Amino acid sequence: MLAAAPGIAPPLNRSLKVLVIADPAPEAEFQLPGARREGRKVAEVLENARKQSDALQLEVVSRIGVDECDPVEILALNPERRV
């Protein structure tokens, strides 16, 4: 009863957009050891999958570390986002 109404699932197709965000915190005490390395590795694996697949249209965008994680810029990456 307290749960929100179920959302509408997007149509199935062969297009996938992936945003990898890793270690966005500007405060040193909130930065995680190895998080940037892990984020880069995830993006690398996805990029390799993109290069090897003709059946899937894969778009990979990564923002690693505080210098690449401006919240306004990240929100602007999704033109379909409704505020």
PDB file of N, CA and C in Angstrom:
ATOM      1  N   MET A   1       0.810  -1.188   0.000  1.00  0.00           N
ATOM      2  CA  MET A   1       0.000   0.000   0.000  1.00  0.00           C
ATOM      3  C   MET A   1       0.861   1.265   0.000  1.00  0.00           C
ATOM      4  N   LEU A   2       2.009   1.208   0.631  1.00  0.00           N
ATOM      5  CA  LEU A   2       2.852   2.387   0.718  1.00  0.00           C
ATOM      6  C   LEU A   2       3.785   2.531  -0.478  1.00  0.00           C
ATOM      7  N   ALA A   3       3.876   1.499  -1.275  1.00  0.00           N
ATOM      8  CA  ALA A   3       4.772   1.534  -2.425  1.00  0.00           C
ATOM      9  C   ALA A   3       4.191   2.429  -3.520  1.00  0.00           C
ATOM     10  N   ALA A   4       5.085   3.043  -4.270  1.00  0.00           N
ATOM     11  CA  ALA A   4       4.653   3.870  -5.389  1.00  0.00           C
ATOM     12  C   ALA A   4       4.065   2.991  -6.490  1.00  0.00           C
ATOM     13  N   ALA A   5       3.257   3.601  -7.336  1.00  0.00           N
ATOM     14  CA  ALA A   5       2.686   2.865  -8.462  1.00  0.00           C
ATOM     15  C   ALA A   5       3.811   2.383  -9.366  1.00  0.00           C
ATOM     16  N   PRO A   6       3.659   1.194  -9.931  1.00  0.00           N
ATOM     17  CA  PRO A   6       4.730   0.683 -10.800  1.00  0.00           C
ATOM     18  C   PRO A   6       4.902   1.589 -12.019  1.00  0.00           C
ATOM     19  N   GLY A   7       6.142   1.758 -12.424  1.00  0.00           N
ATOM     20  CA  GLY A   7       6.437   2.576 -13.597  1.00  0.00           C
ATOM     21  C   GLY A   7       6.171   1.806 -14.869  1.00  0.00           C
ATOM     22  N   ILE A   8       6.213   2.507 -15.952  1.00  0.00           N
ATOM     23  CA  ILE A   8       6.025   1.876 -17.250  1.00  0.00           C
ATOM     24  C   ILE A   8       7.399   1.477 -17.770  1.00  0.00           C
ATOM     25  N   ALA A   9       7.540   0.227 -18.121  1.00  0.00           N
ATOM     26  CA  ALA A   9       8.819  -0.271 -18.631  1.00  0.00           C
ATOM     27  C   ALA A   9       9.087   0.333 -20.001  1.00  0.00           C
ATOM     28  N   PRO A  10      10.336   0.689 -20.271  1.00  0.00           N
ATOM     29  CA  PRO A  10      10.649   1.228 -21.598  1.00  0.00           C
ATOM     30  C   PRO A  10      10.505   0.139 -22.654  1.00  0.00           C
ATOM     31  N   PRO A  11      10.261   0.539 -23.895  1.00  0.00           N
ATOM     32  CA  PRO A  11      10.136  -0.476 -24.941  1.00  0.00           C
ATOM     33  C   PRO A  11      11.457  -1.211 -25.129  1.00  0.00           C
ATOM     34  N   LEU A  12      11.348  -2.495 -25.441  1.00  0.00           N
ATOM     35  CA  LEU A  12      12.544  -3.294 -25.674  1.00  0.00           C
ATOM     36  C   LEU A  12      13.101  -2.977 -27.052  1.00  0.00           C
ATOM     37  N   ASN A  13      14.397  -2.761 -27.097  1.00  0.00           N
ATOM     38  CA  ASN A  13      15.071  -2.541 -28.367  1.00  0.00           C
ATOM     39  C   ASN A  13      16.526  -2.955 -28.192  1.00  0.00           C
ATOM     40  N   ARG A  14      17.353  -2.644 -29.125  1.00  0.00           N
ATOM     41  CA  ARG A  14      18.758  -3.038 -29.068  1.00  0.00           C
ATOM     42  C   ARG A  14      19.660  -1.858 -28.733  1.00  0.00           C
ATOM     43  N   SER A  15      19.098  -0.841 -28.114  1.00  0.00           N
ATOM     44  CA  SER A  15      19.850   0.355 -27.758  1.00  0.00           C
ATOM     45  C   SER A  15      19.964   0.451 -26.235  1.00  0.00           C
ATOM     46  N   LEU A  16      21.173   0.712 -25.768  1.00  0.00           N
ATOM     47  CA  LEU A  16      21.411   0.803 -24.327  1.00  0.00           C
ATOM     48  C   LEU A  16      22.375   1.953 -24.053  1.00  0.00           C
ATOM     49  N   LYS A  17      21.983   2.834 -23.165  1.00  0.00           N
ATOM     50  CA  LYS A  17      22.845   3.935 -22.738  1.00  0.00           C
ATOM     51  C   LYS A  17      23.283   3.654 -21.308  1.00  0.00           C
ATOM     52  N   VAL A  18      24.596   3.767 -21.065  1.00  0.00           N
ATOM     53  CA  VAL A  18      25.148   3.471 -19.747  1.00  0.00           C
ATOM     54  C   VAL A  18      25.947   4.672 -19.272  1.00  0.00           C
ATOM     55  N   LEU A  19      25.675   5.103 -18.050  1.00  0.00           N
ATOM     56  CA  LEU A  19      26.446   6.171 -17.417  1.00  0.00           C
ATOM     57  C   LEU A  19      27.162   5.580 -16.215  1.00  0.00           C
ATOM     58  N   VAL A  20      28.486   5.606 -16.255  1.00  0.00           N
ATOM     59  CA  VAL A  20      29.296   5.088 -15.150  1.00  0.00           C
ATOM     60  C   VAL A  20      29.789   6.286 -14.346  1.00  0.00           C
ATOM     61  N   ILE A  21      29.392   6.349 -13.089  1.00  0.00           N
ATOM     62  CA  ILE A  21      29.840   7.413 -12.180  1.00  0.00           C
ATOM     63  C   ILE A  21      30.618   6.736 -11.061  1.00  0.00           C
ATOM     64  N   ALA A  22      31.848   7.216 -10.836  1.00  0.00           N
ATOM     65  CA  ALA A  22      32.669   6.609  -9.787  1.00  0.00           C
ATOM     66  C   ALA A  22      33.370   7.693  -8.978  1.00  0.00           C
ATOM     67  N   ASP A  23      33.289   7.574  -7.694  1.00  0.00           N
ATOM     68  CA  ASP A  23      33.994   8.427  -6.738  1.00  0.00           C
ATOM     69  C   ASP A  23      33.737   9.918  -6.964  1.00  0.00           C
ATOM     70  N   PRO A  24      32.471  10.352  -6.915  1.00  0.00           N
ATOM     71  CA  PRO A  24      32.147  11.746  -7.203  1.00  0.00           C
ATOM     72  C   PRO A  24      32.311  12.710  -6.026  1.00  0.00           C
ATOM     73  N   ALA A  25      32.549  12.202  -4.829  1.00  0.00           N
ATOM     74  CA  ALA A  25      32.568  13.054  -3.628  1.00  0.00           C
ATOM     75  C   ALA A  25      33.767  14.004  -3.606  1.00  0.00           C
ATOM     76  N   PRO A  26      33.521  15.295  -3.372  1.00  0.00           N
ATOM     77  CA  PRO A  26      34.642  16.233  -3.277  1.00  0.00           C
ATOM     78  C   PRO A  26      35.384  16.122  -1.935  1.00  0.00           C
ATOM     79  N   GLU A  27      34.714  15.648  -0.906  1.00  0.00           N
ATOM     80  CA  GLU A  27      35.329  15.541   0.417  1.00  0.00           C
ATOM     81  C   GLU A  27      36.205  14.295   0.492  1.00  0.00           C
ATOM     82  N   ALA A  28      37.431  14.492   0.903  1.00  0.00           N
ATOM     83  CA  ALA A  28      38.394  13.383   0.967  1.00  0.00           C
ATOM     84  C   ALA A  28      37.888  12.227   1.833  1.00  0.00           C
ATOM     85  N   GLU A  29      37.186  12.528   2.901  1.00  0.00           N
ATOM     86  CA  GLU A  29      36.729  11.465   3.803  1.00  0.00           C
ATOM     87  C   GLU A  29      35.632  10.595   3.178  1.00  0.00           C
ATOM     88  N   PHE A  30      35.020  11.064   2.100  1.00  0.00           N
ATOM     89  CA  PHE A  30      33.984  10.277   1.430  1.00  0.00           C
ATOM     90  C   PHE A  30      34.478   9.599   0.159  1.00  0.00           C
ATOM     91  N   GLN A  31      35.701   9.851  -0.234  1.00  0.00           N
ATOM     92  CA  GLN A  31      36.259   9.200  -1.414  1.00  0.00           C
ATOM     93  C   GLN A  31      36.674   7.777  -1.056  1.00  0.00           C
ATOM     94  N   LEU A  32      36.416   6.870  -1.945  1.00  0.00           N
ATOM     95  CA  LEU A  32      36.636   5.450  -1.666  1.00  0.00           C
ATOM     96  C   LEU A  32      37.913   4.949  -2.333  1.00  0.00           C
ATOM     97  N   PRO A  33      38.756   4.251  -1.575  1.00  0.00           N
ATOM     98  CA  PRO A  33      39.969   3.689  -2.168  1.00  0.00           C
ATOM     99  C   PRO A  33      39.605   2.713  -3.291  1.00  0.00           C
ATOM    100  N   GLY A  34      40.212   2.892  -4.427  1.00  0.00           N
ATOM    101  CA  GLY A  34      39.984   1.983  -5.540  1.00  0.00           C
ATOM    102  C   GLY A  34      38.747   2.270  -6.371  1.00  0.00           C
ATOM    103  N   ALA A  35      37.914   3.231  -5.962  1.00  0.00           N
ATOM    104  CA  ALA A  35      36.660   3.485  -6.672  1.00  0.00           C
ATOM    105  C   ALA A  35      36.904   4.006  -8.084  1.00  0.00           C
ATOM    106  N   ARG A  36      37.893   4.871  -8.240  1.00  0.00           N
ATOM    107  CA  ARG A  36      38.178   5.401  -9.575  1.00  0.00           C
ATOM    108  C   ARG A  36      38.698   4.301 -10.497  1.00  0.00           C
ATOM    109  N   ARG A  37      39.571   3.474  -9.978  1.00  0.00           N
ATOM    110  CA  ARG A  37      40.103   2.358 -10.762  1.00  0.00           C
ATOM    111  C   ARG A  37      38.963   1.415 -11.168  1.00  0.00           C
ATOM    112  N   GLU A  38      38.076   1.134 -10.234  1.00  0.00           N
ATOM    113  CA  GLU A  38      36.945   0.254 -10.515  1.00  0.00           C
ATOM    114  C   GLU A  38      36.018   0.885 -11.566  1.00  0.00           C
ATOM    115  N   GLY A  39      35.742   2.174 -11.446  1.00  0.00           N
ATOM    116  CA  GLY A  39      34.891   2.848 -12.425  1.00  0.00           C
ATOM    117  C   GLY A  39      35.485   2.817 -13.818  1.00  0.00           C
ATOM    118  N   ARG A  40      36.789   3.054 -13.903  1.00  0.00           N
ATOM    119  CA  ARG A  40      37.465   2.993 -15.214  1.00  0.00           C
ATOM    120  C   ARG A  40      37.392   1.584 -15.801  1.00  0.00           C
ATOM    121  N   LYS A  41      37.535   0.589 -14.950  1.00  0.00           N
ATOM    122  CA  LYS A  41      37.485  -0.807 -15.417  1.00  0.00           C
ATOM    123  C   LYS A  41      36.083  -1.159 -15.916  1.00  0.00           C
ATOM    124  N   VAL A  42      35.058  -0.728 -15.209  1.00  0.00           N
ATOM    125  CA  VAL A  42      33.679  -0.975 -15.648  1.00  0.00           C
ATOM    126  C   VAL A  42      33.449  -0.331 -17.015  1.00  0.00           C
ATOM    127  N   ALA A  43      33.874   0.929 -17.171  1.00  0.00           N
ATOM    128  CA  ALA A  43      33.719   1.623 -18.448  1.00  0.00           C
ATOM    129  C   ALA A  43      34.501   0.906 -19.549  1.00  0.00           C
ATOM    130  N   GLU A  44      35.687   0.415 -19.233  1.00  0.00           N
ATOM    131  CA  GLU A  44      36.507  -0.307 -20.205  1.00  0.00           C
ATOM    132  C   GLU A  44      35.824  -1.598 -20.664  1.00  0.00           C
ATOM    133  N   VAL A  45      35.275  -2.344 -19.722  1.00  0.00           N
ATOM    134  CA  VAL A  45      34.583  -3.594 -20.057  1.00  0.00           C
ATOM    135  C   VAL A  45      33.381  -3.301 -20.958  1.00  0.00           C
ATOM    136  N   LEU A  46      32.630  -2.261 -20.632  1.00  0.00           N
ATOM    137  CA  LEU A  46      31.471  -1.901 -21.443  1.00  0.00           C
ATOM    138  C   LEU A  46      31.891  -1.435 -22.841  1.00  0.00           C
ATOM    139  N   GLU A  47      32.974  -0.667 -22.915  1.00  0.00           N
ATOM    140  CA  GLU A  47      33.480  -0.220 -24.220  1.00  0.00           C
ATOM    141  C   GLU A  47      33.918  -1.418 -25.070  1.00  0.00           C
ATOM    142  N   ASN A  48      34.572  -2.385 -24.450  1.00  0.00           N
ATOM    143  CA  ASN A  48      34.971  -3.594 -25.177  1.00  0.00           C
ATOM    144  C   ASN A  48      33.751  -4.351 -25.686  1.00  0.00           C
ATOM    145  N   ALA A  49      32.702  -4.423 -24.872  1.00  0.00           N
ATOM    146  CA  ALA A  49      31.464  -5.084 -25.297  1.00  0.00           C
ATOM    147  C   ALA A  49      30.842  -4.326 -26.465  1.00  0.00           C
ATOM    148  N   ARG A  50      30.888  -3.012 -26.418  1.00  0.00           N
ATOM    149  CA  ARG A  50      30.349  -2.194 -27.509  1.00  0.00           C
ATOM    150  C   ARG A  50      31.078  -2.476 -28.822  1.00  0.00           C
ATOM    151  N   LYS A  51      32.396  -2.566 -28.742  1.00  0.00           N
ATOM    152  CA  LYS A  51      33.205  -2.794 -29.945  1.00  0.00           C
ATOM    153  C   LYS A  51      32.985  -4.189 -30.533  1.00  0.00           C
ATOM    154  N   GLN A  52      32.620  -5.148 -29.691  1.00  0.00           N
ATOM    155  CA  GLN A  52      32.488  -6.533 -30.144  1.00  0.00           C
ATOM    156  C   GLN A  52      31.073  -6.911 -30.571  1.00  0.00           C
ATOM    157  N   SER A  53      30.099  -6.050 -30.318  1.00  0.00           N
ATOM    158  CA  SER A  53      28.712  -6.412 -30.603  1.00  0.00           C
ATOM    159  C   SER A  53      28.156  -5.575 -31.748  1.00  0.00           C
ATOM    160  N   ASP A  54      27.676  -6.264 -32.771  1.00  0.00           N
ATOM    161  CA  ASP A  54      26.976  -5.590 -33.854  1.00  0.00           C
ATOM    162  C   ASP A  54      25.478  -5.546 -33.567  1.00  0.00           C
ATOM    163  N   ALA A  55      25.019  -6.418 -32.680  1.00  0.00           N
ATOM    164  CA  ALA A  55      23.592  -6.532 -32.411  1.00  0.00           C
ATOM    165  C   ALA A  55      23.084  -5.485 -31.420  1.00  0.00           C
ATOM    166  N   LEU A  56      23.966  -4.950 -30.611  1.00  0.00           N
ATOM    167  CA  LEU A  56      23.558  -4.012 -29.568  1.00  0.00           C
ATOM    168  C   LEU A  56      24.193  -2.652 -29.819  1.00  0.00           C
ATOM    169  N   GLN A  57      23.373  -1.626 -29.789  1.00  0.00           N
ATOM    170  CA  GLN A  57      23.873  -0.262 -29.880  1.00  0.00           C
ATOM    171  C   GLN A  57      24.116   0.210 -28.451  1.00  0.00           C
ATOM    172  N   LEU A  58      25.358   0.248 -28.056  1.00  0.00           N
ATOM    173  CA  LEU A  58      25.733   0.567 -26.682  1.00  0.00           C
ATOM    174  C   LEU A  58      26.448   1.909 -26.650  1.00  0.00           C
ATOM    175  N   GLU A  59      25.948   2.813 -25.832  1.00  0.00           N
ATOM    176  CA  GLU A  59      26.578   4.114 -25.630  1.00  0.00           C
ATOM    177  C   GLU A  59      27.075   4.168 -24.193  1.00  0.00           C
ATOM    178  N   VAL A  60      28.381   4.363 -24.034  1.00  0.00           N
ATOM    179  CA  VAL A  60      28.987   4.383 -22.703  1.00  0.00           C
ATOM    180  C   VAL A  60      29.545   5.775 -22.435  1.00  0.00           C
ATOM    181  N   VAL A  61      29.114   6.364 -21.331  1.00  0.00           N
ATOM    182  CA  VAL A  61      29.628   7.656 -20.876  1.00  0.00           C
ATOM    183  C   VAL A  61      30.135   7.441 -19.460  1.00  0.00           C
ATOM    184  N   SER A  62      31.342   7.914 -19.187  1.00  0.00           N
ATOM    185  CA  SER A  62      31.861   7.747 -17.828  1.00  0.00           C
ATOM    186  C   SER A  62      32.243   9.100 -17.244  1.00  0.00           C
ATOM    187  N   ARG A  63      32.024   9.224 -15.969  1.00  0.00           N
ATOM    188  CA  ARG A  63      32.422  10.390 -15.192  1.00  0.00           C
ATOM    189  C   ARG A  63      33.114   9.845 -13.943  1.00  0.00           C
ATOM    190  N   ILE A  64      34.442   9.998 -13.934  1.00  0.00           N
ATOM    191  CA  ILE A  64      35.253   9.397 -12.871  1.00  0.00           C
ATOM    192  C   ILE A  64      35.921  10.509 -12.068  1.00  0.00           C
ATOM    193  N   GLY A  65      35.707  10.510 -10.768  1.00  0.00           N
ATOM    194  CA  GLY A  65      36.333  11.491  -9.884  1.00  0.00           C
ATOM    195  C   GLY A  65      35.566  12.795  -9.838  1.00  0.00           C
ATOM    196  N   VAL A  66      35.854  13.571  -8.828  1.00  0.00           N
ATOM    197  CA  VAL A  66      35.122  14.812  -8.572  1.00  0.00           C
ATOM    198  C   VAL A  66      35.249  15.806  -9.722  1.00  0.00           C
ATOM    199  N   ASP A  67      36.381  15.840 -10.409  1.00  0.00           N
ATOM    200  CA  ASP A  67      36.572  16.796 -11.500  1.00  0.00           C
ATOM    201  C   ASP A  67      35.640  16.539 -12.676  1.00  0.00           C
ATOM    202  N   GLU A  68      35.168  15.307 -12.837  1.00  0.00           N
ATOM    203  CA  GLU A  68      34.287  14.952 -13.950  1.00  0.00           C
ATOM    204  C   GLU A  68      32.829  14.811 -13.514  1.00  0.00           C
ATOM    205  N   CYS A  69      32.547  15.040 -12.245  1.00  0.00           N
ATOM    206  CA  CYS A  69      31.208  14.758 -11.720  1.00  0.00           C
ATOM    207  C   CYS A  69      30.446  16.012 -11.318  1.00  0.00           C
ATOM    208  N   ASP A  70      30.345  16.940 -12.222  1.00  0.00           N
ATOM    209  CA  ASP A  70      29.524  18.127 -11.965  1.00  0.00           C
ATOM    210  C   ASP A  70      28.051  17.717 -12.069  1.00  0.00           C
ATOM    211  N   PRO A  71      27.274  17.890 -10.993  1.00  0.00           N
ATOM    212  CA  PRO A  71      25.878  17.420 -11.005  1.00  0.00           C
ATOM    213  C   PRO A  71      25.041  18.022 -12.130  1.00  0.00           C
ATOM    214  N   VAL A  72      25.219  19.286 -12.422  1.00  0.00           N
ATOM    215  CA  VAL A  72      24.435  19.928 -13.484  1.00  0.00           C
ATOM    216  C   VAL A  72      24.775  19.318 -14.844  1.00  0.00           C
ATOM    217  N   GLU A  73      26.060  19.104 -15.077  1.00  0.00           N
ATOM    218  CA  GLU A  73      26.492  18.509 -16.345  1.00  0.00           C
ATOM    219  C   GLU A  73      25.980  17.074 -16.469  1.00  0.00           C
ATOM    220  N   ILE A  74      25.993  16.335 -15.375  1.00  0.00           N
ATOM    221  CA  ILE A  74      25.502  14.952 -15.401  1.00  0.00           C
ATOM    222  C   ILE A  74      24.006  14.926 -15.701  1.00  0.00           C
ATOM    223  N   LEU A  75      23.246  15.808 -15.086  1.00  0.00           N
ATOM    224  CA  LEU A  75      21.811  15.862 -15.368  1.00  0.00           C
ATOM    225  C   LEU A  75      21.552  16.236 -16.830  1.00  0.00           C
ATOM    226  N   ALA A  76      22.400  17.073 -17.392  1.00  0.00           N
ATOM    227  CA  ALA A  76      22.234  17.492 -18.787  1.00  0.00           C
ATOM    228  C   ALA A  76      22.545  16.361 -19.768  1.00  0.00           C
ATOM    229  N   LEU A  77      23.204  15.306 -19.322  1.00  0.00           N
ATOM    230  CA  LEU A  77      23.508  14.184 -20.206  1.00  0.00           C
ATOM    231  C   LEU A  77      22.253  13.446 -20.647  1.00  0.00           C
ATOM    232  N   ASN A  78      21.174  13.568 -19.902  1.00  0.00           N
ATOM    233  CA  ASN A  78      19.932  12.893 -20.234  1.00  0.00           C
ATOM    234  C   ASN A  78      18.908  13.922 -20.692  1.00  0.00           C
ATOM    235  N   PRO A  79      18.774  14.132 -22.003  1.00  0.00           N
ATOM    236  CA  PRO A  79      17.831  15.143 -22.484  1.00  0.00           C
ATOM    237  C   PRO A  79      16.367  14.768 -22.241  1.00  0.00           C
ATOM    238  N   GLU A  80      16.098  13.500 -21.935  1.00  0.00           N
ATOM    239  CA  GLU A  80      14.719  13.065 -21.692  1.00  0.00           C
ATOM    240  C   GLU A  80      14.294  13.253 -20.244  1.00  0.00           C
ATOM    241  N   ARG A  81      15.220  13.658 -19.377  1.00  0.00           N
ATOM    242  CA  ARG A  81      14.913  13.818 -17.958  1.00  0.00           C
ATOM    243  C   ARG A  81      13.925  14.957 -17.761  1.00  0.00           C
ATOM    244  N   ARG A  82      12.917  14.689 -16.988  1.00  0.00           N
ATOM    245  CA  ARG A  82      11.908  15.713 -16.684  1.00  0.00           C
ATOM    246  C   ARG A  82      12.071  16.128 -15.230  1.00  0.00           C
ATOM    247  N   VAL A  83      12.114  17.419 -14.999  1.00  0.00           N
ATOM    248  CA  VAL A  83      12.294  17.935 -13.628  1.00  0.00           C
ATOM    249  C   VAL A  83      10.959  18.313 -13.058  1.00  0.00           C
TER     250      VAL A  83
END
